[in-house]
PDB file of N, CA and C in Angstrom:
ATOM      1  N   MET A   1      87.632  78.763  54.812  1.00  0.00           N
ATOM      2  CA  MET A   1      87.389  78.554  56.286  1.00  0.00           C
ATOM      3  C   MET A   1      85.869  78.747  56.661  1.00  0.00           C
ATOM      4  N   ASP A   2      85.415  77.786  57.359  1.00  0.00           N
ATOM      5  CA  ASP A   2      83.859  77.954  57.807  1.00  0.00           C
ATOM      6  C   ASP A   2      83.967  78.759  58.958  1.00  0.00           C
ATOM      7  N   ASN A   3      82.837  79.301  59.318  1.00  0.00           N
ATOM      8  CA  ASN A   3      82.591  79.980  60.482  1.00  0.00           C
ATOM      9  C   ASN A   3      82.939  79.341  61.729  1.00  0.00           C
ATOM     10  N   ALA A   4      82.638  78.038  61.742  1.00  0.00           N
ATOM     11  CA  ALA A   4      82.856  77.379  63.108  1.00  0.00           C
ATOM     12  C   ALA A   4      84.248  77.454  63.594  1.00  0.00           C
ATOM     13  N   GLN A   5      85.352  77.314  62.586  1.00  0.00           N
ATOM     14  CA  GLN A   5      86.894  77.357  62.786  1.00  0.00           C
ATOM     15  C   GLN A   5      87.105  78.775  63.105  1.00  0.00           C
ATOM     16  N   THR A   6      86.519  79.771  62.813  1.00  0.00           N
ATOM     17  CA  THR A   6      86.903  81.315  63.158  1.00  0.00           C
ATOM     18  C   THR A   6      86.445  81.449  64.368  1.00  0.00           C
ATOM     19  N   GLN A   7      85.314  81.021  65.054  1.00  0.00           N
ATOM     20  CA  GLN A   7      84.720  81.424  66.292  1.00  0.00           C
ATOM     21  C   GLN A   7      85.663  80.796  67.395  1.00  0.00           C
ATOM     22  N   LYS A   8      85.875  81.760  68.492  1.00  0.00           N
ATOM     23  CA  LYS A   8      86.768  81.497  69.420  1.00  0.00           C
ATOM     24  C   LYS A   8      85.654  81.112  70.661  1.00  0.00           C
ATOM     25  N   VAL A   9      86.305  80.145  71.465  1.00  0.00           N
ATOM     26  CA  VAL A   9      85.575  79.555  72.512  1.00  0.00           C
ATOM     27  C   VAL A   9      85.731  80.596  73.531  1.00  0.00           C
ATOM     28  N   PRO A  10      84.653  80.993  74.367  1.00  0.00           N
ATOM     29  CA  PRO A  10      84.833  81.825  75.523  1.00  0.00           C
ATOM     30  C   PRO A  10      85.687  81.279  76.615  1.00  0.00           C
ATOM     31  N   GLN A  11      86.330  81.954  77.183  1.00  0.00           N
ATOM     32  CA  GLN A  11      87.572  81.636  78.067  1.00  0.00           C
ATOM     33  C   GLN A  11      87.039  82.231  79.639  1.00  0.00           C
ATOM     34  N   VAL A  12      87.318  81.500  80.524  1.00  0.00           N
ATOM     35  CA  VAL A  12      87.218  82.158  82.023  1.00  0.00           C
ATOM     36  C   VAL A  12      88.553  81.887  82.721  1.00  0.00           C
ATOM     37  N   PRO A  13      88.913  82.656  83.901  1.00  0.00           N
ATOM     38  CA  PRO A  13      89.838  82.431  84.694  1.00  0.00           C
ATOM     39  C   PRO A  13      89.635  81.257  85.547  1.00  0.00           C
ATOM     40  N   MET A  14      90.789  80.438  85.787  1.00  0.00           N
ATOM     41  CA  MET A  14      90.807  79.193  86.540  1.00  0.00           C
ATOM     42  C   MET A  14      91.660  79.557  87.557  1.00  0.00           C
ATOM     43  N   TYR A  15      91.434  79.370  89.033  1.00  0.00           N
ATOM     44  CA  TYR A  15      92.436  79.507  89.874  1.00  0.00           C
ATOM     45  C   TYR A  15      92.989  78.298  90.570  1.00  0.00           C
ATOM     46  N   PHE A  16      94.182  78.321  90.990  1.00  0.00           N
ATOM     47  CA  PHE A  16      94.869  77.010  91.857  1.00  0.00           C
ATOM     48  C   PHE A  16      95.891  77.587  92.434  1.00  0.00           C
ATOM     49  N   ALA A  17      96.531  76.660  93.384  1.00  0.00           N
ATOM     50  CA  ALA A  17      97.613  77.232  94.290  1.00  0.00           C
ATOM     51  C   ALA A  17      98.613  76.202  93.851  1.00  0.00           C
ATOM     52  N   ASP A  18      99.772  76.678  93.525  1.00  0.00           N
ATOM     53  CA  ASP A  18     101.107  76.206  93.119  1.00  0.00           C
ATOM     54  C   ASP A  18     101.640  75.436  94.298  1.00  0.00           C
ATOM     55  N   ASN A  19     102.740  74.775  93.915  1.00  0.00           N
ATOM     56  CA  ASN A  19     103.371  73.851  94.797  1.00  0.00           C
ATOM     57  C   ASN A  19     104.214  74.726  96.088  1.00  0.00           C
ATOM     58  N   HIS A  20     104.109  75.930  95.804  1.00  0.00           N
ATOM     59  CA  HIS A  20     104.720  76.745  96.908  1.00  0.00           C
ATOM     60  C   HIS A  20     103.485  77.522  97.684  1.00  0.00           C
ATOM     61  N   GLY A  21     102.429  77.325  97.588  1.00  0.00           N
ATOM     62  CA  GLY A  21     101.246  78.271  97.979  1.00  0.00           C
ATOM     63  C   GLY A  21     101.061  79.294  97.381  1.00  0.00           C
ATOM     64  N   HIS A  22     101.457  79.706  96.359  1.00  0.00           N
ATOM     65  CA  HIS A  22     101.190  80.944  95.566  1.00  0.00           C
ATOM     66  C   HIS A  22      99.802  80.702  94.718  1.00  0.00           C
ATOM     67  N   LEU A  23      98.871  81.720  94.613  1.00  0.00           N
ATOM     68  CA  LEU A  23      97.736  81.756  93.994  1.00  0.00           C
ATOM     69  C   LEU A  23      98.057  81.984  92.575  1.00  0.00           C
ATOM     70  N   ARG A  24      97.539  81.178  91.648  1.00  0.00           N
ATOM     71  CA  ARG A  24      98.045  81.246  89.976  1.00  0.00           C
ATOM     72  C   ARG A  24      96.440  81.180  89.480  1.00  0.00           C
ATOM     73  N   SER A  25      96.733  81.793  88.081  1.00  0.00           N
ATOM     74  CA  SER A  25      95.318  81.667  87.532  1.00  0.00           C
ATOM     75  C   SER A  25      95.767  81.409  86.083  1.00  0.00           C
ATOM     76  N   LYS A  26      94.969  80.692  85.290  1.00  0.00           N
ATOM     77  CA  LYS A  26      94.983  80.574  83.789  1.00  0.00           C
ATOM     78  C   LYS A  26      93.730  80.484  83.162  1.00  0.00           C
ATOM     79  N   LEU A  27      93.553  81.103  81.782  1.00  0.00           N
ATOM     80  CA  LEU A  27      92.524  80.842  80.996  1.00  0.00           C
ATOM     81  C   LEU A  27      91.975  79.680  80.464  1.00  0.00           C
ATOM     82  N   VAL A  28      90.699  79.112  80.889  1.00  0.00           N
ATOM     83  CA  VAL A  28      90.195  77.954  80.523  1.00  0.00           C
ATOM     84  C   VAL A  28      88.992  77.996  79.736  1.00  0.00           C
ATOM     85  N   PRO A  29      88.644  77.021  78.862  1.00  0.00           N
ATOM     86  CA  PRO A  29      87.379  77.015  78.096  1.00  0.00           C
ATOM     87  C   PRO A  29      86.045  77.272  79.246  1.00  0.00           C
ATOM     88  N   GLN A  30      85.200  77.948  78.873  1.00  0.00           N
ATOM     89  CA  GLN A  30      84.148  78.168  79.703  1.00  0.00           C
ATOM     90  C   GLN A  30      83.367  76.962  80.335  1.00  0.00           C
ATOM     91  N   ASP A  31      83.401  75.769  79.636  1.00  0.00           N
ATOM     92  CA  ASP A  31      82.787  74.396  80.089  1.00  0.00           C
ATOM     93  C   ASP A  31      83.886  73.488  80.504  1.00  0.00           C
ATOM     94  N   TYR A  32      84.958  74.309  80.993  1.00  0.00           N
ATOM     95  CA  TYR A  32      86.229  73.494  81.721  1.00  0.00           C
ATOM     96  C   TYR A  32      85.702  72.694  83.267  1.00  0.00           C
ATOM     97  N   VAL A  33      86.184  71.493  83.289  1.00  0.00           N
ATOM     98  CA  VAL A  33      85.730  70.867  84.517  1.00  0.00           C
ATOM     99  C   VAL A  33      86.891  70.894  85.474  1.00  0.00           C
ATOM    100  N   CYS A  34      86.861  71.522  86.592  1.00  0.00           N
ATOM    101  CA  CYS A  34      88.036  71.844  87.379  1.00  0.00           C
ATOM    102  C   CYS A  34      88.386  70.559  88.180  1.00  0.00           C
ATOM    103  N   GLN A  35      89.609  70.275  88.634  1.00  0.00           N
ATOM    104  CA  GLN A  35      90.228  69.200  89.276  1.00  0.00           C
ATOM    105  C   GLN A  35      89.738  69.741  90.702  1.00  0.00           C
ATOM    106  N   ALA A  36      90.093  68.842  91.631  1.00  0.00           N
ATOM    107  CA  ALA A  36      89.777  69.126  93.284  1.00  0.00           C
ATOM    108  C   ALA A  36      90.610  70.173  93.679  1.00  0.00           C
ATOM    109  N   TYR A  37      91.858  70.622  92.963  1.00  0.00           N
ATOM    110  CA  TYR A  37      92.719  71.706  93.502  1.00  0.00           C
ATOM    111  C   TYR A  37      92.367  72.852  92.756  1.00  0.00           C
ATOM    112  N   GLU A  38      91.306  73.014  91.818  1.00  0.00           N
ATOM    113  CA  GLU A  38      91.447  74.150  90.965  1.00  0.00           C
ATOM    114  C   GLU A  38      89.837  74.726  91.263  1.00  0.00           C
ATOM    115  N   THR A  39      89.458  75.853  90.937  1.00  0.00           N
ATOM    116  CA  THR A  39      88.228  76.646  91.047  1.00  0.00           C
ATOM    117  C   THR A  39      88.171  77.551  90.074  1.00  0.00           C
ATOM    118  N   LEU A  40      86.831  77.825  89.686  1.00  0.00           N
ATOM    119  CA  LEU A  40      86.551  78.881  88.619  1.00  0.00           C
ATOM    120  C   LEU A  40      85.832  80.236  89.804  1.00  0.00           C
ATOM    121  N   GLU A  41      85.879  79.920  90.870  1.00  0.00           N
ATOM    122  CA  GLU A  41      85.296  80.801  91.730  1.00  0.00           C
ATOM    123  C   GLU A  41      86.514  81.986  91.977  1.00  0.00           C
ATOM    124  N   THR A  42      86.083  83.117  91.723  1.00  0.00           N
ATOM    125  CA  THR A  42      87.015  84.291  91.851  1.00  0.00           C
ATOM    126  C   THR A  42      87.340  84.624  93.266  1.00  0.00           C
ATOM    127  N   PRO A  43      88.575  84.428  93.747  1.00  0.00           N
ATOM    128  CA  PRO A  43      88.725  84.748  95.371  1.00  0.00           C
ATOM    129  C   PRO A  43      88.332  86.083  95.762  1.00  0.00           C
ATOM    130  N   ALA A  44      87.710  85.896  96.889  1.00  0.00           N
ATOM    131  CA  ALA A  44      87.243  87.132  97.393  1.00  0.00           C
ATOM    132  C   ALA A  44      88.394  88.018  98.078  1.00  0.00           C
ATOM    133  N   ASN A  45      88.409  89.249  97.884  1.00  0.00           N
ATOM    134  CA  ASN A  45      89.529  89.972  98.289  1.00  0.00           C
ATOM    135  C   ASN A  45      90.894  89.448  97.747  1.00  0.00           C
ATOM    136  N   SER A  46      91.816  89.637  98.277  1.00  0.00           N
ATOM    137  CA  SER A  46      93.112  89.032  98.187  1.00  0.00           C
ATOM    138  C   SER A  46      93.493  88.319  99.153  1.00  0.00           C
ATOM    139  N   PRO A  47      93.459  87.007  99.154  1.00  0.00           N
ATOM    140  CA  PRO A  47      93.916  86.058 100.211  1.00  0.00           C
ATOM    141  C   PRO A  47      95.300  86.016 100.362  1.00  0.00           C
ATOM    142  N   TYR A  48      95.766  85.972 101.874  1.00  0.00           N
ATOM    143  CA  TYR A  48      97.291  85.952 102.074  1.00  0.00           C
ATOM    144  C   TYR A  48      97.636  84.562 101.725  1.00  0.00           C
ATOM    145  N   GLU A  49      98.949  84.606 100.961  1.00  0.00           N
ATOM    146  CA  GLU A  49      99.662  83.337 100.748  1.00  0.00           C
ATOM    147  C   GLU A  49     100.334  82.675 101.947  1.00  0.00           C
ATOM    148  N   PRO A  50     100.465  81.292 102.013  1.00  0.00           N
ATOM    149  CA  PRO A  50     100.042  80.354 101.172  1.00  0.00           C
ATOM    150  C   PRO A  50      98.559  80.031 100.945  1.00  0.00           C
ATOM    151  N   VAL A  51      98.000  79.776 100.018  1.00  0.00           N
ATOM    152  CA  VAL A  51      96.530  79.595  99.735  1.00  0.00           C
ATOM    153  C   VAL A  51      96.469  78.009  99.577  1.00  0.00           C
ATOM    154  N   THR A  52      95.292  77.770  99.741  1.00  0.00           N
ATOM    155  CA  THR A  52      94.899  76.432  99.469  1.00  0.00           C
ATOM    156  C   THR A  52      93.607  76.264  98.605  1.00  0.00           C
ATOM    157  N   VAL A  53      93.246  75.560  97.769  1.00  0.00           N
ATOM    158  CA  VAL A  53      92.167  75.386  96.914  1.00  0.00           C
ATOM    159  C   VAL A  53      91.544  74.022  97.170  1.00  0.00           C
ATOM    160  N   ALA A  54      90.296  74.063  97.891  1.00  0.00           N
ATOM    161  CA  ALA A  54      89.491  72.972  98.056  1.00  0.00           C
ATOM    162  C   ALA A  54      88.225  73.023  98.078  1.00  0.00           C
ATOM    163  N   ASN A  55      87.564  72.040  97.518  1.00  0.00           N
ATOM    164  CA  ASN A  55      86.065  72.051  97.553  1.00  0.00           C
ATOM    165  C   ASN A  55      85.543  73.463  96.767  1.00  0.00           C
ATOM    166  N   GLY A  56      86.383  73.836  95.684  1.00  0.00           N
ATOM    167  CA  GLY A  56      85.921  74.897  94.728  1.00  0.00           C
ATOM    168  C   GLY A  56      86.155  76.345  95.489  1.00  0.00           C
ATOM    169  N   HIS A  57      86.673  76.561  96.791  1.00  0.00           N
ATOM    170  CA  HIS A  57      87.210  77.686  97.176  1.00  0.00           C
ATOM    171  C   HIS A  57      88.647  77.929  97.542  1.00  0.00           C
ATOM    172  N   VAL A  58      88.911  79.150  97.444  1.00  0.00           N
ATOM    173  CA  VAL A  58      90.374  79.447  97.547  1.00  0.00           C
ATOM    174  C   VAL A  58      90.420  79.897  99.097  1.00  0.00           C
ATOM    175  N   THR A  59      91.413  79.450  99.802  1.00  0.00           N
ATOM    176  CA  THR A  59      91.136  79.859 101.274  1.00  0.00           C
ATOM    177  C   THR A  59      92.967  80.397 101.609  1.00  0.00           C
ATOM    178  N   GLY A  60      92.907  81.453 102.195  1.00  0.00           N
ATOM    179  CA  GLY A  60      94.227  82.174 102.536  1.00  0.00           C
ATOM    180  C   GLY A  60      94.401  82.019 104.180  1.00  0.00           C
ATOM    181  N   VAL A  61      95.528  82.205 104.342  1.00  0.00           N
ATOM    182  CA  VAL A  61      95.879  82.291 105.914  1.00  0.00           C
ATOM    183  C   VAL A  61      95.750  83.938 106.570  1.00  0.00           C
ATOM    184  N   THR A  62      96.075  83.920 107.752  1.00  0.00           N
ATOM    185  CA  THR A  62      95.934  85.288 108.382  1.00  0.00           C
ATOM    186  C   THR A  62      97.240  85.978 107.843  1.00  0.00           C
ATOM    187  N   GLN A  63      96.971  87.497 108.295  1.00  0.00           N
ATOM    188  CA  GLN A  63      98.341  88.449 107.905  1.00  0.00           C
ATOM    189  C   GLN A  63      99.447  87.958 108.680  1.00  0.00           C
ATOM    190  N   GLU A  64      99.353  87.580 110.039  1.00  0.00           N
ATOM    191  CA  GLU A  64     100.344  86.964 110.809  1.00  0.00           C
ATOM    192  C   GLU A  64     101.094  85.950 110.282  1.00  0.00           C
ATOM    193  N   GLU A  65     100.321  84.715 109.825  1.00  0.00           N
ATOM    194  CA  GLU A  65     100.688  83.709 109.227  1.00  0.00           C
ATOM    195  C   GLU A  65     101.396  83.790 108.036  1.00  0.00           C
ATOM    196  N   HIS A  66     100.815  84.820 106.976  1.00  0.00           N
ATOM    197  CA  HIS A  66     101.578  85.284 105.749  1.00  0.00           C
ATOM    198  C   HIS A  66     102.917  85.731 106.301  1.00  0.00           C
ATOM    199  N   GLU A  67     102.972  86.773 107.083  1.00  0.00           N
ATOM    200  CA  GLU A  67     104.234  87.341 107.348  1.00  0.00           C
ATOM    201  C   GLU A  67     105.354  86.173 108.028  1.00  0.00           C
ATOM    202  N   ALA A  68     104.819  85.394 108.731  1.00  0.00           N
ATOM    203  CA  ALA A  68     105.846  84.371 109.156  1.00  0.00           C
ATOM    204  C   ALA A  68     106.140  83.480 107.879  1.00  0.00           C
ATOM    205  N   TRP A  69     105.392  83.163 107.214  1.00  0.00           N
ATOM    206  CA  TRP A  69     105.506  82.225 105.901  1.00  0.00           C
ATOM    207  C   TRP A  69     106.340  82.992 105.067  1.00  0.00           C
ATOM    208  N   GLN A  70     106.300  84.212 104.848  1.00  0.00           N
ATOM    209  CA  GLN A  70     107.214  84.814 103.829  1.00  0.00           C
ATOM    210  C   GLN A  70     108.516  85.142 104.156  1.00  0.00           C
ATOM    211  N   LYS A  71     108.579  85.219 105.403  1.00  0.00           N
ATOM    212  CA  LYS A  71     110.205  85.348 105.929  1.00  0.00           C
ATOM    213  C   LYS A  71     110.843  83.946 105.725  1.00  0.00           C
ATOM    214  N   GLN A  72     110.256  82.930 105.657  1.00  0.00           N
ATOM    215  CA  GLN A  72     110.786  81.539 105.414  1.00  0.00           C
ATOM    216  C   GLN A  72     111.235  81.260 104.018  1.00  0.00           C
ATOM    217  N   GLN A  73     110.426  82.163 102.993  1.00  0.00           N
ATOM    218  CA  GLN A  73     110.905  82.053 101.607  1.00  0.00           C
ATOM    219  C   GLN A  73     112.457  82.112 101.387  1.00  0.00           C
ATOM    220  N   PRO A  74     113.090  81.312 100.430  1.00  0.00           N
ATOM    221  CA  PRO A  74     114.500  81.706 100.341  1.00  0.00           C
ATOM    222  C   PRO A  74     114.752  82.706  99.530  1.00  0.00           C
ATOM    223  N   ASP A  75     113.973  83.380  98.842  1.00  0.00           N
ATOM    224  CA  ASP A  75     114.359  84.681  98.075  1.00  0.00           C
ATOM    225  C   ASP A  75     113.819  86.019  99.064  1.00  0.00           C
ATOM    226  N   TYR A  76     113.406  85.803 100.252  1.00  0.00           N
ATOM    227  CA  TYR A  76     112.812  86.744 100.894  1.00  0.00           C
ATOM    228  C   TYR A  76     113.973  87.963 101.421  1.00  0.00           C
ATOM    229  N   VAL A  77     113.501  89.233 101.162  1.00  0.00           N
ATOM    230  CA  VAL A  77     114.382  90.205 101.629  1.00  0.00           C
ATOM    231  C   VAL A  77     113.601  91.191 102.314  1.00  0.00           C
ATOM    232  N   GLU A  78     114.181  91.552 103.502  1.00  0.00           N
ATOM    233  CA  GLU A  78     113.417  92.599 104.409  1.00  0.00           C
ATOM    234  C   GLU A  78     113.183  93.631 103.653  1.00  0.00           C
ATOM    235  N   PRO A  79     111.750  94.271 103.737  1.00  0.00           N
ATOM    236  CA  PRO A  79     111.750  95.431 102.837  1.00  0.00           C
ATOM    237  C   PRO A  79     112.318  96.495 103.712  1.00  0.00           C
ATOM    238  N   THR A  80     112.888  97.528 103.011  1.00  0.00           N
ATOM    239  CA  THR A  80     113.361  98.591 103.363  1.00  0.00           C
ATOM    240  C   THR A  80     112.526 100.075 103.170  1.00  0.00           C
ATOM    241  N   PRO A  81     112.520 100.754 104.196  1.00  0.00           N
ATOM    242  CA  PRO A  81     111.474 101.795 103.965  1.00  0.00           C
ATOM    243  C   PRO A  81     112.072 102.935 102.780  1.00  0.00           C
ATOM    244  N   PRO A  82     111.408 103.467 102.066  1.00  0.00           N
ATOM    245  CA  PRO A  82     112.010 104.547 100.898  1.00  0.00           C
ATOM    246  C   PRO A  82     112.402 105.643 101.616  1.00  0.00           C
ATOM    247  N   GLU A  83     113.440 106.187 101.081  1.00  0.00           N
ATOM    248  CA  GLU A  83     113.969 107.472 101.495  1.00  0.00           C
ATOM    249  C   GLU A  83     112.834 108.597 101.196  1.00  0.00           C
ATOM    250  N   PRO A  84     112.814 109.166 102.455  1.00  0.00           N
ATOM    251  CA  PRO A  84     111.845 110.345 102.035  1.00  0.00           C
ATOM    252  C   PRO A  84     112.116 111.315 101.159  1.00  0.00           C
ATOM    253  N   THR A  85     111.379 111.862 100.372  1.00  0.00           N
ATOM    254  CA  THR A  85     111.346 113.021  99.194  1.00  0.00           C
ATOM    255  C   THR A  85     111.929 114.211  99.993  1.00  0.00           C
ATOM    256  N   ASP A  86     112.641 115.086  98.990  1.00  0.00           N
ATOM    257  CA  ASP A  86     112.893 116.404  99.517  1.00  0.00           C
ATOM    258  C   ASP A  86     111.642 117.218  99.869  1.00  0.00           C
ATOM    259  N   GLU A  87     110.512 116.864  99.390  1.00  0.00           N
ATOM    260  CA  GLU A  87     109.354 117.480  99.832  1.00  0.00           C
ATOM    261  C   GLU A  87     108.829 117.267 101.115  1.00  0.00           C
ATOM    262  N   GLN A  88     108.924 115.669 101.377  1.00  0.00           N
ATOM    263  CA  GLN A  88     108.631 115.085 102.704  1.00  0.00           C
ATOM    264  C   GLN A  88     109.723 115.737 103.595  1.00  0.00           C
ATOM    265  N   LYS A  89     110.808 115.817 103.349  1.00  0.00           N
ATOM    266  CA  LYS A  89     112.037 116.494 104.406  1.00  0.00           C
ATOM    267  C   LYS A  89     111.550 117.690 104.680  1.00  0.00           C
ATOM    268  N   GLY A  90     111.233 118.568 103.725  1.00  0.00           N
ATOM    269  CA  GLY A  90     110.879 120.041 104.008  1.00  0.00           C
ATOM    270  C   GLY A  90     109.591 120.018 104.835  1.00  0.00           C
ATOM    271  N   LEU A  91     108.368 119.422 104.590  1.00  0.00           N
ATOM    272  CA  LEU A  91     107.212 119.125 105.477  1.00  0.00           C
ATOM    273  C   LEU A  91     107.647 118.912 106.969  1.00  0.00           C
ATOM    274  N   THR A  92     108.583 117.989 107.074  1.00  0.00           N
ATOM    275  CA  THR A  92     108.947 117.488 108.552  1.00  0.00           C
ATOM    276  C   THR A  92     109.734 118.740 109.122  1.00  0.00           C
ATOM    277  N   ALA A  93     110.416 119.436 108.438  1.00  0.00           N
ATOM    278  CA  ALA A  93     111.239 120.347 108.994  1.00  0.00           C
ATOM    279  C   ALA A  93     110.220 121.757 109.225  1.00  0.00           C
ATOM    280  N   LEU A  94     109.192 122.018 108.377  1.00  0.00           N
ATOM    281  CA  LEU A  94     108.335 123.074 108.954  1.00  0.00           C
ATOM    282  C   LEU A  94     107.409 122.495 109.893  1.00  0.00           C
ATOM    283  N   ALA A  95     106.990 121.259 109.911  1.00  0.00           N
ATOM    284  CA  ALA A  95     106.256 120.771 111.142  1.00  0.00           C
ATOM    285  C   ALA A  95     107.104 121.006 112.411  1.00  0.00           C
ATOM    286  N   VAL A  96     108.306 120.659 112.530  1.00  0.00           N
ATOM    287  CA  VAL A  96     109.117 120.636 113.797  1.00  0.00           C
ATOM    288  C   VAL A  96     109.187 122.216 114.093  1.00  0.00           C
ATOM    289  N   GLU A  97     109.415 123.133 113.245  1.00  0.00           N
ATOM    290  CA  GLU A  97     109.602 124.274 113.570  1.00  0.00           C
ATOM    291  C   GLU A  97     108.338 124.999 113.942  1.00  0.00           C
ATOM    292  N   ASN A  98     107.070 124.562 113.380  1.00  0.00           N
ATOM    293  CA  ASN A  98     105.815 125.195 113.882  1.00  0.00           C
ATOM    294  C   ASN A  98     105.612 124.648 115.322  1.00  0.00           C
ATOM    295  N   ALA A  99     106.002 123.379 115.718  1.00  0.00           N
ATOM    296  CA  ALA A  99     105.743 122.918 116.937  1.00  0.00           C
ATOM    297  C   ALA A  99     106.748 123.846 118.024  1.00  0.00           C
ATOM    298  N   GLN A 100     107.986 124.183 117.771  1.00  0.00           N
ATOM    299  CA  GLN A 100     108.821 124.909 118.500  1.00  0.00           C
ATOM    300  C   GLN A 100     108.104 126.012 118.461  1.00  0.00           C
ATOM    301  N   LEU A 101     107.598 126.993 117.545  1.00  0.00           N
ATOM    302  CA  LEU A 101     107.063 128.208 117.713  1.00  0.00           C
ATOM    303  C   LEU A 101     105.914 128.164 118.348  1.00  0.00           C
ATOM    304  N   LYS A 102     105.077 127.230 118.570  1.00  0.00           N
ATOM    305  CA  LYS A 102     103.890 127.130 119.237  1.00  0.00           C
ATOM    306  C   LYS A 102     104.337 126.918 120.706  1.00  0.00           C
ATOM    307  N   GLN A 103     105.391 126.392 120.947  1.00  0.00           N
ATOM    308  CA  GLN A 103     105.720 126.018 122.467  1.00  0.00           C
ATOM    309  C   GLN A 103     106.404 127.447 122.932  1.00  0.00           C
ATOM    310  N   GLN A 104     107.124 128.136 122.070  1.00  0.00           N
ATOM    311  CA  GLN A 104     107.491 129.634 122.398  1.00  0.00           C
ATOM    312  C   GLN A 104     106.576 130.431 122.799  1.00  0.00           C
ATOM    313  N   LEU A 105     105.362 130.433 121.963  1.00  0.00           N
ATOM    314  CA  LEU A 105     104.294 131.302 122.153  1.00  0.00           C
ATOM    315  C   LEU A 105     103.443 131.038 123.289  1.00  0.00           C
ATOM    316  N   GLY A 106     103.458 129.610 123.726  1.00  0.00           N
ATOM    317  CA  GLY A 106     102.854 129.350 125.099  1.00  0.00           C
ATOM    318  C   GLY A 106     103.621 129.856 126.162  1.00  0.00           C
ATOM    319  N   GLN A 107     105.092 129.873 126.155  1.00  0.00           N
ATOM    320  CA  GLN A 107     105.886 130.477 127.196  1.00  0.00           C
ATOM    321  C   GLN A 107     105.637 131.949 127.250  1.00  0.00           C
ATOM    322  N   LEU A 108     105.829 132.601 126.014  1.00  0.00           N
ATOM    323  CA  LEU A 108     105.445 134.054 126.116  1.00  0.00           C
ATOM    324  C   LEU A 108     104.067 134.355 126.733  1.00  0.00           C
ATOM    325  N   GLN A 109     102.992 133.717 126.390  1.00  0.00           N
ATOM    326  CA  GLN A 109     101.699 134.074 127.126  1.00  0.00           C
ATOM    327  C   GLN A 109     101.769 133.831 128.567  1.00  0.00           C
ATOM    328  N   GLN A 110     102.407 132.650 128.865  1.00  0.00           N
ATOM    329  CA  GLN A 110     102.814 132.684 130.505  1.00  0.00           C
ATOM    330  C   GLN A 110     103.284 133.629 131.110  1.00  0.00           C
ATOM    331  N   SER A 111     104.499 134.214 130.573  1.00  0.00           N
ATOM    332  CA  SER A 111     105.219 135.358 131.188  1.00  0.00           C
ATOM    333  C   SER A 111     104.563 136.686 131.029  1.00  0.00           C
ATOM    334  N   VAL A 112     103.660 136.760 130.167  1.00  0.00           N
ATOM    335  CA  VAL A 112     102.804 138.081 129.962  1.00  0.00           C
ATOM    336  C   VAL A 112     101.748 137.907 130.946  1.00  0.00           C
ATOM    337  N   THR A 113     101.019 136.966 131.181  1.00  0.00           N
ATOM    338  CA  THR A 113     100.004 136.696 132.150  1.00  0.00           C
ATOM    339  C   THR A 113     100.735 136.698 133.715  1.00  0.00           C
ATOM    340  N   ALA A 114     101.889 136.372 133.937  1.00  0.00           N
ATOM    341  CA  ALA A 114     102.615 136.337 134.973  1.00  0.00           C
ATOM    342  C   ALA A 114     102.681 137.804 135.278  1.00  0.00           C
ATOM    343  N   LEU A 115     103.426 138.569 134.403  1.00  0.00           N
ATOM    344  CA  LEU A 115     103.721 140.025 134.490  1.00  0.00           C
ATOM    345  C   LEU A 115     102.659 140.860 135.000  1.00  0.00           C
ATOM    346  N   ALA A 116     101.529 140.477 134.153  1.00  0.00           N
ATOM    347  CA  ALA A 116     100.300 141.332 134.251  1.00  0.00           C
ATOM    348  C   ALA A 116      99.517 141.037 135.723  1.00  0.00           C
ATOM    349  N   GLN A 117     100.018 140.146 136.549  1.00  0.00           N
ATOM    350  CA  GLN A 117      99.187 139.594 137.733  1.00  0.00           C
ATOM    351  C   GLN A 117     100.393 140.345 138.729  1.00  0.00           C
ATOM    352  N   THR A 118     101.434 140.609 138.620  1.00  0.00           N
ATOM    353  CA  THR A 118     102.353 140.966 139.838  1.00  0.00           C
ATOM    354  C   THR A 118     102.830 142.477 139.314  1.00  0.00           C
ATOM    355  N   ALA A 119     102.605 143.186 138.324  1.00  0.00           N
ATOM    356  CA  ALA A 119     103.127 144.406 138.092  1.00  0.00           C
ATOM    357  C   ALA A 119     101.977 145.500 138.784  1.00  0.00           C
ATOM    358  N   PRO A 120     102.518 146.475 139.258  1.00  0.00           N
ATOM    359  CA  PRO A 120     101.482 147.328 139.852  1.00  0.00           C
ATOM    360  C   PRO A 120     100.640 148.044 138.720  1.00  0.00           C
ATOM    361  N   ILE A 121      99.454 148.266 139.080  1.00  0.00           N
ATOM    362  CA  ILE A 121      98.623 149.062 138.215  1.00  0.00           C
ATOM    363  C   ILE A 121      98.935 150.493 138.198  1.00  0.00           C
ATOM    364  N   THR A 122      99.266 151.245 137.291  1.00  0.00           N
ATOM    365  CA  THR A 122      99.664 152.607 137.572  1.00  0.00           C
ATOM    366  C   THR A 122      98.592 153.402 136.537  1.00  0.00           C
ATOM    367  N   GLY A 123      98.208 154.565 137.129  1.00  0.00           N
ATOM    368  CA  GLY A 123      97.236 155.317 136.069  1.00  0.00           C
ATOM    369  C   GLY A 123      97.901 156.236 135.280  1.00  0.00           C
ATOM    370  N   GLY A 124      97.403 156.763 134.465  1.00  0.00           N
ATOM    371  CA  GLY A 124      97.854 157.657 133.340  1.00  0.00           C
ATOM    372  C   GLY A 124      98.521 158.871 133.925  1.00  0.00           C
ATOM    373  N   SER A 125      99.309 159.711 133.410  1.00  0.00           N
ATOM    374  CA  SER A 125      99.687 161.093 133.951  1.00  0.00           C
ATOM    375  C   SER A 125      98.638 162.097 133.857  1.00  0.00           C
ATOM    376  N   LYS A 126      98.532 163.071 134.691  1.00  0.00           N
ATOM    377  CA  LYS A 126      97.430 164.083 134.620  1.00  0.00           C
ATOM    378  C   LYS A 126      97.929 165.508 134.531  1.00  0.00           C
TER     379      LYS A 126
END
């Protein structure tokens, strides 16, 4: 084998939108010439789907448009929030108890203040 056969051609990611508007990529040779619906430009951030690729740029939709589009997909399942862990449940219970104790403390402070204002001041015994 000669050296030319063992050298690999450098590859780069090429991005395109599939028929459903999903952003896809595949590795292509570095000298690959893109079609009109492909780009070698890495998308900025993560664009919301459905995406389009035109003039060498990936364009996504707004978050609101993405959420509406996503709900229309045949395999869409409304996400369910995860069950809280035992630790999260314990922290919630402690936070509720703390709030109740603060409320009781405030009520006791008001009672002491009211009693101090209405109680007669008496001197010590002589």
